[in-house]
Amino acid sequence: MIQRVYEQAKRCLLLDDLIVATDDERIAVCIQSFHGNVMITPEMNSGTERCNAVVNNFTGGAAFDVVINIQGDEPFIDPQTDLSACRVFSFGRGGNRTLVKKITQPDDLINPNVVKVVFDINYKALYFSRHPIPFLRELNQELLNEAIITTIVFMDTVPGS
């Protein structure tokens, strides 16, 4: 699966570089087997921390305008739509940006692998959860939340760098 995600991401013309950051030796070996670019990081709590490790240890010393965290378990990522949508992040400065999409399948509401997000009136993310928001006693098609796509984009610098 990771090879498919990598190959799909490489097809996005907006990416200057692609680095898989992992703390799992098995993933690193897999990436190296097809000559992908990989960096082994210490064990970390989040993709944000892993992105920060890549930025801080990048050997080219290059500055980054945008860092994109692409989850390795997203085999159907489409470089022409999902990743190309990242061009909107070239406008404005600072802060984190998250691409979201509407949940359309009721099963996704209770699927812990689909992250849900609550926004304020200005679309500032207030809360992320792997559980339905609010808690649903019964699934109801009209109570669809928004779901995070798994592509998270950080402007300027990765938080904490």
N, C-alpha and C. Protein backbone atom coordinates (compact mmCIF):
# COMPACT_ATOMS: atom_id res chain seq x y z
N MET A 1 0.82 -1.19 0.00
CA MET A 1 0.00 0.00 0.00
C MET A 1 0.87 1.26 0.00
N ILE A 2 1.92 1.28 0.79
CA ILE A 2 2.75 2.49 0.88
C ILE A 2 3.38 2.82 -0.47
N GLN A 3 3.73 1.79 -1.26
CA GLN A 3 4.31 2.05 -2.57
C GLN A 3 3.28 2.73 -3.47
N ARG A 4 2.03 2.30 -3.42
CA ARG A 4 0.98 2.92 -4.24
C ARG A 4 0.79 4.38 -3.84
N VAL A 5 0.75 4.65 -2.54
CA VAL A 5 0.58 6.04 -2.08
C VAL A 5 1.76 6.89 -2.56
N TYR A 6 2.97 6.37 -2.41
CA TYR A 6 4.17 7.07 -2.83
C TYR A 6 4.12 7.38 -4.33
N GLU A 7 3.79 6.37 -5.12
CA GLU A 7 3.75 6.55 -6.57
C GLU A 7 2.66 7.54 -6.99
N GLN A 8 1.52 7.51 -6.33
CA GLN A 8 0.46 8.47 -6.62
C GLN A 8 0.91 9.89 -6.27
N ALA A 9 1.53 10.04 -5.11
CA ALA A 9 2.00 11.37 -4.68
C ALA A 9 3.07 11.91 -5.63
N LYS A 10 3.96 11.03 -6.12
CA LYS A 10 5.02 11.46 -7.05
C LYS A 10 4.44 12.02 -8.35
N ARG A 11 3.24 11.62 -8.68
CA ARG A 11 2.59 12.09 -9.92
C ARG A 11 2.07 13.53 -9.79
N CYS A 12 2.03 14.07 -8.59
CA CYS A 12 1.57 15.45 -8.40
C CYS A 12 2.68 16.41 -8.82
N LEU A 13 2.41 17.20 -9.83
CA LEU A 13 3.41 18.12 -10.38
C LEU A 13 3.74 19.27 -9.44
N LEU A 14 2.93 19.48 -8.41
CA LEU A 14 3.17 20.57 -7.47
C LEU A 14 4.22 20.24 -6.42
N LEU A 15 4.57 18.97 -6.30
CA LEU A 15 5.55 18.57 -5.29
C LEU A 15 6.97 18.67 -5.84
N ASP A 16 7.83 19.37 -5.13
CA ASP A 16 9.23 19.45 -5.51
C ASP A 16 10.01 18.25 -5.01
N ASP A 17 9.59 17.71 -3.87
CA ASP A 17 10.28 16.59 -3.27
C ASP A 17 9.27 15.75 -2.51
N LEU A 18 9.60 14.49 -2.30
CA LEU A 18 8.73 13.58 -1.57
C LEU A 18 9.61 12.74 -0.67
N ILE A 19 9.36 12.80 0.63
CA ILE A 19 10.14 12.06 1.62
C ILE A 19 9.17 11.31 2.52
N VAL A 20 9.36 10.01 2.63
CA VAL A 20 8.57 9.23 3.58
C VAL A 20 9.29 9.28 4.91
N ALA A 21 8.60 9.72 5.93
CA ALA A 21 9.16 9.77 7.28
C ALA A 21 8.50 8.66 8.10
N THR A 22 9.30 7.78 8.65
CA THR A 22 8.76 6.65 9.41
C THR A 22 9.70 6.27 10.54
N ASP A 23 9.12 5.65 11.56
CA ASP A 23 9.95 5.09 12.62
C ASP A 23 9.95 3.56 12.53
N ASP A 24 9.35 3.04 11.47
CA ASP A 24 9.22 1.60 11.28
C ASP A 24 10.21 1.12 10.21
N GLU A 25 11.15 0.30 10.62
CA GLU A 25 12.19 -0.20 9.72
C GLU A 25 11.59 -0.96 8.54
N ARG A 26 10.47 -1.66 8.75
CA ARG A 26 9.84 -2.41 7.65
C ARG A 26 9.36 -1.47 6.55
N ILE A 27 8.81 -0.33 6.94
CA ILE A 27 8.36 0.65 5.94
C ILE A 27 9.57 1.23 5.22
N ALA A 28 10.63 1.55 5.96
CA ALA A 28 11.84 2.09 5.34
C ALA A 28 12.41 1.13 4.30
N VAL A 29 12.47 -0.15 4.63
CA VAL A 29 12.98 -1.17 3.71
C VAL A 29 12.10 -1.24 2.47
N CYS A 30 10.79 -1.18 2.67
CA CYS A 30 9.86 -1.21 1.53
C CYS A 30 10.09 -0.02 0.60
N ILE A 31 10.20 1.18 1.17
CA ILE A 31 10.42 2.39 0.36
C ILE A 31 11.74 2.29 -0.40
N GLN A 32 12.78 1.82 0.27
CA GLN A 32 14.09 1.68 -0.36
C GLN A 32 14.06 0.64 -1.48
N SER A 33 13.20 -0.36 -1.37
CA SER A 33 13.15 -1.43 -2.38
C SER A 33 12.71 -0.91 -3.74
N PHE A 34 11.95 0.18 -3.78
CA PHE A 34 11.58 0.76 -5.08
C PHE A 34 12.24 2.12 -5.28
N HIS A 35 13.34 2.36 -4.55
CA HIS A 35 14.19 3.54 -4.69
C HIS A 35 13.47 4.83 -4.31
N GLY A 36 12.55 4.73 -3.35
CA GLY A 36 11.89 5.92 -2.83
C GLY A 36 12.76 6.63 -1.82
N ASN A 37 12.41 7.85 -1.51
CA ASN A 37 13.16 8.68 -0.57
C ASN A 37 12.54 8.49 0.82
N VAL A 38 13.33 8.04 1.78
CA VAL A 38 12.81 7.75 3.12
C VAL A 38 13.75 8.31 4.18
N MET A 39 13.15 8.74 5.29
CA MET A 39 13.92 9.19 6.45
C MET A 39 13.36 8.50 7.68
N ILE A 40 14.22 7.84 8.42
CA ILE A 40 13.80 7.18 9.66
C ILE A 40 13.86 8.21 10.79
N THR A 41 12.75 8.34 11.48
CA THR A 41 12.65 9.28 12.60
C THR A 41 12.50 8.50 13.90
N PRO A 42 12.74 9.16 15.02
CA PRO A 42 12.42 8.50 16.29
C PRO A 42 10.90 8.30 16.37
N GLU A 43 10.45 7.49 17.31
CA GLU A 43 9.01 7.32 17.51
C GLU A 43 8.42 8.66 17.93
N MET A 44 7.31 9.04 17.31
CA MET A 44 6.69 10.34 17.56
C MET A 44 5.19 10.18 17.75
N ASN A 45 4.57 11.22 18.30
CA ASN A 45 3.14 11.17 18.61
C ASN A 45 2.24 11.49 17.43
N SER A 46 2.76 12.20 16.43
CA SER A 46 1.87 12.65 15.37
C SER A 46 2.63 12.87 14.07
N GLY A 47 1.85 12.97 12.99
CA GLY A 47 2.42 13.31 11.70
C GLY A 47 3.04 14.69 11.69
N THR A 48 2.48 15.59 12.49
CA THR A 48 3.03 16.94 12.60
C THR A 48 4.45 16.89 13.14
N GLU A 49 4.66 16.10 14.18
CA GLU A 49 6.00 15.96 14.75
C GLU A 49 6.95 15.30 13.75
N ARG A 50 6.44 14.34 12.99
CA ARG A 50 7.28 13.65 12.00
C ARG A 50 7.68 14.61 10.88
N CYS A 51 6.73 15.44 10.43
CA CYS A 51 7.05 16.47 9.42
C CYS A 51 8.11 17.42 9.95
N ASN A 52 7.97 17.82 11.19
CA ASN A 52 8.93 18.72 11.82
C ASN A 52 10.32 18.08 11.82
N ALA A 53 10.40 16.80 12.11
CA ALA A 53 11.69 16.10 12.12
C ALA A 53 12.32 16.12 10.73
N VAL A 54 11.52 15.91 9.70
CA VAL A 54 12.05 15.94 8.33
C VAL A 54 12.58 17.32 7.99
N VAL A 55 11.78 18.35 8.29
CA VAL A 55 12.20 19.72 7.99
C VAL A 55 13.50 20.06 8.73
N ASN A 56 13.57 19.70 9.99
CA ASN A 56 14.76 20.03 10.79
C ASN A 56 16.00 19.24 10.39
N ASN A 57 15.82 18.09 9.72
CA ASN A 57 16.96 17.25 9.37
C ASN A 57 17.20 17.17 7.87
N PHE A 58 16.50 17.97 7.09
CA PHE A 58 16.63 17.92 5.65
C PHE A 58 18.05 18.28 5.27
N THR A 59 18.72 17.41 4.53
CA THR A 59 20.14 17.59 4.25
C THR A 59 20.42 18.70 3.24
N GLY A 60 19.44 19.06 2.43
CA GLY A 60 19.67 20.10 1.44
C GLY A 60 19.69 21.50 2.02
N GLY A 61 19.24 21.66 3.23
CA GLY A 61 19.22 22.98 3.86
C GLY A 61 18.24 23.93 3.19
N ALA A 62 17.35 23.41 2.38
CA ALA A 62 16.40 24.26 1.65
C ALA A 62 15.30 24.77 2.57
N ALA A 63 14.80 25.94 2.23
CA ALA A 63 13.63 26.48 2.93
C ALA A 63 12.38 25.89 2.29
N PHE A 64 11.34 25.71 3.08
CA PHE A 64 10.10 25.15 2.58
C PHE A 64 9.01 26.19 2.66
N ASP A 65 8.27 26.37 1.57
CA ASP A 65 7.09 27.22 1.60
C ASP A 65 5.92 26.45 2.19
N VAL A 66 5.81 25.19 1.82
CA VAL A 66 4.71 24.33 2.26
C VAL A 66 5.24 22.93 2.51
N VAL A 67 4.77 22.33 3.60
CA VAL A 67 5.08 20.95 3.91
C VAL A 67 3.75 20.20 3.93
N ILE A 68 3.67 19.09 3.22
CA ILE A 68 2.44 18.33 3.13
C ILE A 68 2.63 16.98 3.81
N ASN A 69 1.74 16.65 4.72
CA ASN A 69 1.74 15.37 5.41
C ASN A 69 0.74 14.47 4.70
N ILE A 70 1.23 13.50 3.95
CA ILE A 70 0.36 12.56 3.24
C ILE A 70 0.39 11.24 4.01
N GLN A 71 -0.74 10.78 4.43
CA GLN A 71 -0.80 9.54 5.20
C GLN A 71 -0.51 8.35 4.31
N GLY A 72 0.26 7.40 4.81
CA GLY A 72 0.67 6.24 4.04
C GLY A 72 -0.42 5.22 3.79
N ASP A 73 -1.55 5.37 4.45
CA ASP A 73 -2.64 4.41 4.27
C ASP A 73 -3.77 5.00 3.44
N GLU A 74 -3.42 5.85 2.48
CA GLU A 74 -4.40 6.49 1.61
C GLU A 74 -4.11 6.10 0.15
N PRO A 75 -4.36 4.81 -0.21
CA PRO A 75 -3.96 4.33 -1.53
C PRO A 75 -4.72 4.96 -2.69
N PHE A 76 -5.86 5.54 -2.42
CA PHE A 76 -6.66 6.11 -3.52
C PHE A 76 -6.48 7.61 -3.65
N ILE A 77 -5.42 8.15 -3.05
CA ILE A 77 -5.14 9.57 -3.18
C ILE A 77 -4.96 9.90 -4.66
N ASP A 78 -5.58 10.97 -5.10
CA ASP A 78 -5.54 11.35 -6.51
C ASP A 78 -4.68 12.60 -6.67
N PRO A 79 -3.52 12.49 -7.30
CA PRO A 79 -2.62 13.64 -7.42
C PRO A 79 -3.23 14.79 -8.20
N GLN A 80 -4.18 14.53 -9.06
CA GLN A 80 -4.78 15.60 -9.87
C GLN A 80 -5.86 16.36 -9.12
N THR A 81 -6.43 15.79 -8.07
CA THR A 81 -7.48 16.49 -7.33
C THR A 81 -7.06 16.73 -5.89
N ASP A 82 -6.83 15.66 -5.12
CA ASP A 82 -6.50 15.82 -3.71
C ASP A 82 -5.26 16.67 -3.49
N LEU A 83 -4.16 16.31 -4.15
CA LEU A 83 -2.91 17.03 -3.93
C LEU A 83 -2.88 18.36 -4.68
N SER A 84 -3.50 18.42 -5.84
CA SER A 84 -3.52 19.67 -6.58
C SER A 84 -4.30 20.75 -5.85
N ALA A 85 -5.22 20.33 -5.00
CA ALA A 85 -5.96 21.29 -4.19
C ALA A 85 -5.04 22.06 -3.25
N CYS A 86 -3.84 21.55 -3.04
CA CYS A 86 -2.89 22.21 -2.15
C CYS A 86 -2.42 23.55 -2.69
N ARG A 87 -2.66 23.83 -3.97
CA ARG A 87 -2.21 25.12 -4.51
C ARG A 87 -2.93 26.28 -3.82
N VAL A 88 -4.09 26.03 -3.23
CA VAL A 88 -4.78 27.10 -2.51
C VAL A 88 -3.99 27.55 -1.30
N PHE A 89 -3.08 26.70 -0.83
CA PHE A 89 -2.30 27.05 0.35
C PHE A 89 -1.14 27.98 0.04
N SER A 90 -0.95 28.30 -1.22
CA SER A 90 0.10 29.24 -1.56
C SER A 90 -0.35 30.68 -1.30
N PHE A 91 -1.61 30.85 -0.97
CA PHE A 91 -2.13 32.19 -0.67
C PHE A 91 -2.18 32.36 0.84
N GLY A 92 -1.79 33.54 1.31
CA GLY A 92 -1.82 33.80 2.75
C GLY A 92 -0.57 33.27 3.41
N ARG A 93 -0.38 33.64 4.66
CA ARG A 93 0.82 33.23 5.39
C ARG A 93 0.43 32.73 6.76
N GLY A 94 1.20 31.82 7.25
CA GLY A 94 1.09 31.37 8.62
C GLY A 94 -0.09 30.44 8.89
N GLY A 95 0.03 29.71 9.98
CA GLY A 95 -1.05 28.85 10.42
C GLY A 95 -1.07 27.50 9.74
N ASN A 96 -1.92 26.64 10.24
CA ASN A 96 -2.10 25.31 9.69
C ASN A 96 -3.32 25.30 8.79
N ARG A 97 -3.31 24.45 7.79
CA ARG A 97 -4.45 24.30 6.90
C ARG A 97 -4.77 22.81 6.80
N THR A 98 -6.04 22.50 6.74
CA THR A 98 -6.48 21.13 6.62
C THR A 98 -7.52 21.01 5.53
N LEU A 99 -7.31 20.10 4.58
CA LEU A 99 -8.31 19.83 3.57
C LEU A 99 -9.36 18.92 4.18
N VAL A 100 -10.63 19.21 3.93
CA VAL A 100 -11.71 18.38 4.46
C VAL A 100 -12.68 18.04 3.35
N LYS A 101 -13.45 17.01 3.58
CA LYS A 101 -14.53 16.67 2.65
C LYS A 101 -15.72 16.19 3.46
N LYS A 102 -16.88 16.32 2.88
CA LYS A 102 -18.12 15.92 3.52
C LYS A 102 -18.19 14.40 3.58
N ILE A 103 -18.61 13.87 4.71
CA ILE A 103 -18.85 12.43 4.82
C ILE A 103 -20.14 12.13 4.07
N THR A 104 -20.11 11.14 3.22
CA THR A 104 -21.30 10.77 2.46
C THR A 104 -21.77 9.36 2.76
N GLN A 105 -20.94 8.57 3.43
CA GLN A 105 -21.32 7.21 3.79
C GLN A 105 -21.58 7.12 5.29
N PRO A 106 -22.79 6.71 5.69
CA PRO A 106 -23.12 6.63 7.13
C PRO A 106 -22.13 5.81 7.93
N ASP A 107 -21.57 4.74 7.34
CA ASP A 107 -20.61 3.92 8.08
C ASP A 107 -19.37 4.71 8.47
N ASP A 108 -19.03 5.75 7.71
CA ASP A 108 -17.86 6.56 8.03
C ASP A 108 -18.05 7.33 9.33
N LEU A 109 -19.29 7.60 9.71
CA LEU A 109 -19.53 8.32 10.96
C LEU A 109 -19.02 7.56 12.18
N ILE A 110 -19.11 6.25 12.12
CA ILE A 110 -18.68 5.45 13.27
C ILE A 110 -17.33 4.79 13.05
N ASN A 111 -16.73 5.02 11.89
CA ASN A 111 -15.43 4.44 11.58
C ASN A 111 -14.34 5.27 12.26
N PRO A 112 -13.59 4.69 13.20
CA PRO A 112 -12.55 5.46 13.88
C PRO A 112 -11.38 5.84 12.97
N ASN A 113 -11.28 5.25 11.78
CA ASN A 113 -10.23 5.61 10.84
C ASN A 113 -10.57 6.85 10.04
N VAL A 114 -11.80 7.33 10.17
CA VAL A 114 -12.22 8.57 9.52
C VAL A 114 -12.31 9.64 10.61
N VAL A 115 -11.41 10.62 10.54
CA VAL A 115 -11.36 11.65 11.55
C VAL A 115 -12.41 12.72 11.24
N LYS A 116 -13.18 13.10 12.27
CA LYS A 116 -14.21 14.13 12.14
C LYS A 116 -13.67 15.44 12.71
N VAL A 117 -14.19 16.55 12.20
CA VAL A 117 -13.70 17.86 12.65
C VAL A 117 -14.89 18.81 12.86
N VAL A 118 -14.77 19.65 13.88
CA VAL A 118 -15.76 20.69 14.16
C VAL A 118 -15.10 22.03 13.87
N PHE A 119 -15.82 22.91 13.14
CA PHE A 119 -15.31 24.23 12.80
C PHE A 119 -16.11 25.32 13.51
N ASP A 120 -15.47 26.49 13.69
CA ASP A 120 -16.23 27.65 14.12
C ASP A 120 -16.80 28.34 12.87
N ILE A 121 -17.43 29.48 13.04
CA ILE A 121 -18.08 30.17 11.94
C ILE A 121 -17.10 30.60 10.85
N ASN A 122 -15.82 30.76 11.19
CA ASN A 122 -14.78 31.14 10.21
C ASN A 122 -14.02 29.93 9.67
N TYR A 123 -14.53 28.75 9.89
CA TYR A 123 -13.90 27.50 9.46
C TYR A 123 -12.56 27.24 10.13
N LYS A 124 -12.39 27.76 11.32
CA LYS A 124 -11.22 27.42 12.13
C LYS A 124 -11.54 26.10 12.84
N ALA A 125 -10.66 25.12 12.69
CA ALA A 125 -10.89 23.83 13.33
C ALA A 125 -10.83 23.98 14.84
N LEU A 126 -11.85 23.50 15.50
CA LEU A 126 -11.93 23.58 16.95
C LEU A 126 -11.62 22.25 17.63
N TYR A 127 -11.99 21.17 16.95
CA TYR A 127 -11.91 19.86 17.59
C TYR A 127 -11.86 18.76 16.55
N PHE A 128 -10.98 17.79 16.75
CA PHE A 128 -10.89 16.62 15.90
C PHE A 128 -11.23 15.40 16.74
N SER A 129 -11.94 14.44 16.16
CA SER A 129 -12.30 13.23 16.89
C SER A 129 -12.42 12.05 15.94
N ARG A 130 -12.13 10.88 16.46
CA ARG A 130 -12.34 9.66 15.69
C ARG A 130 -13.73 9.10 15.94
N HIS A 131 -14.49 9.76 16.79
CA HIS A 131 -15.86 9.36 17.11
C HIS A 131 -16.83 10.38 16.52
N PRO A 132 -18.11 9.99 16.35
CA PRO A 132 -19.09 10.96 15.84
C PRO A 132 -19.18 12.19 16.74
N ILE A 133 -19.40 13.34 16.13
CA ILE A 133 -19.56 14.59 16.87
C ILE A 133 -20.89 15.20 16.44
N PRO A 134 -21.85 15.42 17.29
CA PRO A 134 -21.91 14.90 18.66
C PRO A 134 -22.16 13.40 18.64
N PHE A 135 -22.05 12.79 19.80
CA PHE A 135 -22.27 11.35 19.90
C PHE A 135 -23.65 11.02 19.35
N LEU A 136 -23.73 10.01 18.50
CA LEU A 136 -25.00 9.63 17.88
C LEU A 136 -25.51 8.32 18.47
N ARG A 137 -26.70 8.36 19.00
CA ARG A 137 -27.30 7.12 19.51
C ARG A 137 -27.78 6.26 18.35
N GLU A 138 -28.20 6.91 17.27
CA GLU A 138 -28.62 6.20 16.06
C GLU A 138 -28.01 6.91 14.86
N LEU A 139 -27.58 6.13 13.88
CA LEU A 139 -27.06 6.74 12.66
C LEU A 139 -28.20 7.41 11.91
N ASN A 140 -27.96 8.62 11.44
CA ASN A 140 -28.97 9.38 10.72
C ASN A 140 -28.26 10.08 9.56
N GLN A 141 -28.67 9.80 8.34
CA GLN A 141 -28.01 10.37 7.16
C GLN A 141 -27.97 11.89 7.21
N GLU A 142 -28.92 12.54 7.87
CA GLU A 142 -28.95 14.00 7.91
C GLU A 142 -27.93 14.59 8.87
N LEU A 143 -27.32 13.77 9.71
CA LEU A 143 -26.37 14.27 10.71
C LEU A 143 -24.93 14.04 10.27
N LEU A 144 -24.66 14.27 9.01
CA LEU A 144 -23.31 14.06 8.50
C LEU A 144 -22.37 15.15 9.00
N ASN A 145 -21.19 14.71 9.47
CA ASN A 145 -20.14 15.64 9.86
C ASN A 145 -19.25 15.91 8.66
N GLU A 146 -18.16 16.61 8.90
CA GLU A 146 -17.11 16.76 7.91
C GLU A 146 -15.98 15.82 8.31
N ALA A 147 -15.28 15.28 7.33
CA ALA A 147 -14.18 14.35 7.62
C ALA A 147 -12.88 14.91 7.09
N ILE A 148 -11.84 14.67 7.83
CA ILE A 148 -10.52 15.10 7.39
C ILE A 148 -10.08 14.21 6.24
N ILE A 149 -9.50 14.72 5.18
CA ILE A 149 -8.98 13.87 4.08
C ILE A 149 -7.69 13.21 4.47
N THR A 150 -6.92 13.21 5.01
CA THR A 150 -5.65 12.67 5.41
C THR A 150 -4.49 13.43 4.82
N THR A 151 -4.80 14.46 4.07
CA THR A 151 -3.73 15.31 3.59
C THR A 151 -3.76 16.58 4.43
N ILE A 152 -2.73 16.82 5.18
CA ILE A 152 -2.67 17.97 6.06
C ILE A 152 -1.55 18.86 5.58
N VAL A 153 -1.82 20.13 5.40
CA VAL A 153 -0.83 21.04 4.86
C VAL A 153 -0.48 22.08 5.90
N PHE A 154 0.80 22.34 6.07
CA PHE A 154 1.27 23.37 7.00
C PHE A 154 1.94 24.47 6.21
N MET A 155 1.57 25.71 6.49
CA MET A 155 2.15 26.86 5.80
C MET A 155 3.41 27.32 6.51
N ASP A 156 4.31 27.89 5.76
CA ASP A 156 5.53 28.55 6.27
C ASP A 156 6.48 27.58 6.95
N THR A 157 6.15 27.13 8.15
CA THR A 157 6.99 26.19 8.85
C THR A 157 6.09 25.18 9.52
N VAL A 158 6.65 24.04 9.83
CA VAL A 158 5.91 23.03 10.57
C VAL A 158 5.82 23.53 12.00
N PRO A 159 4.64 23.44 12.65
CA PRO A 159 4.52 23.90 14.03
C PRO A 159 5.60 23.28 14.91
N GLY A 160 6.18 24.08 15.74
CA GLY A 160 7.22 23.62 16.64
C GLY A 160 8.62 23.75 16.10
N SER A 161 8.74 24.18 14.84
CA SER A 161 10.09 24.29 14.28
C SER A 161 10.66 25.67 14.53
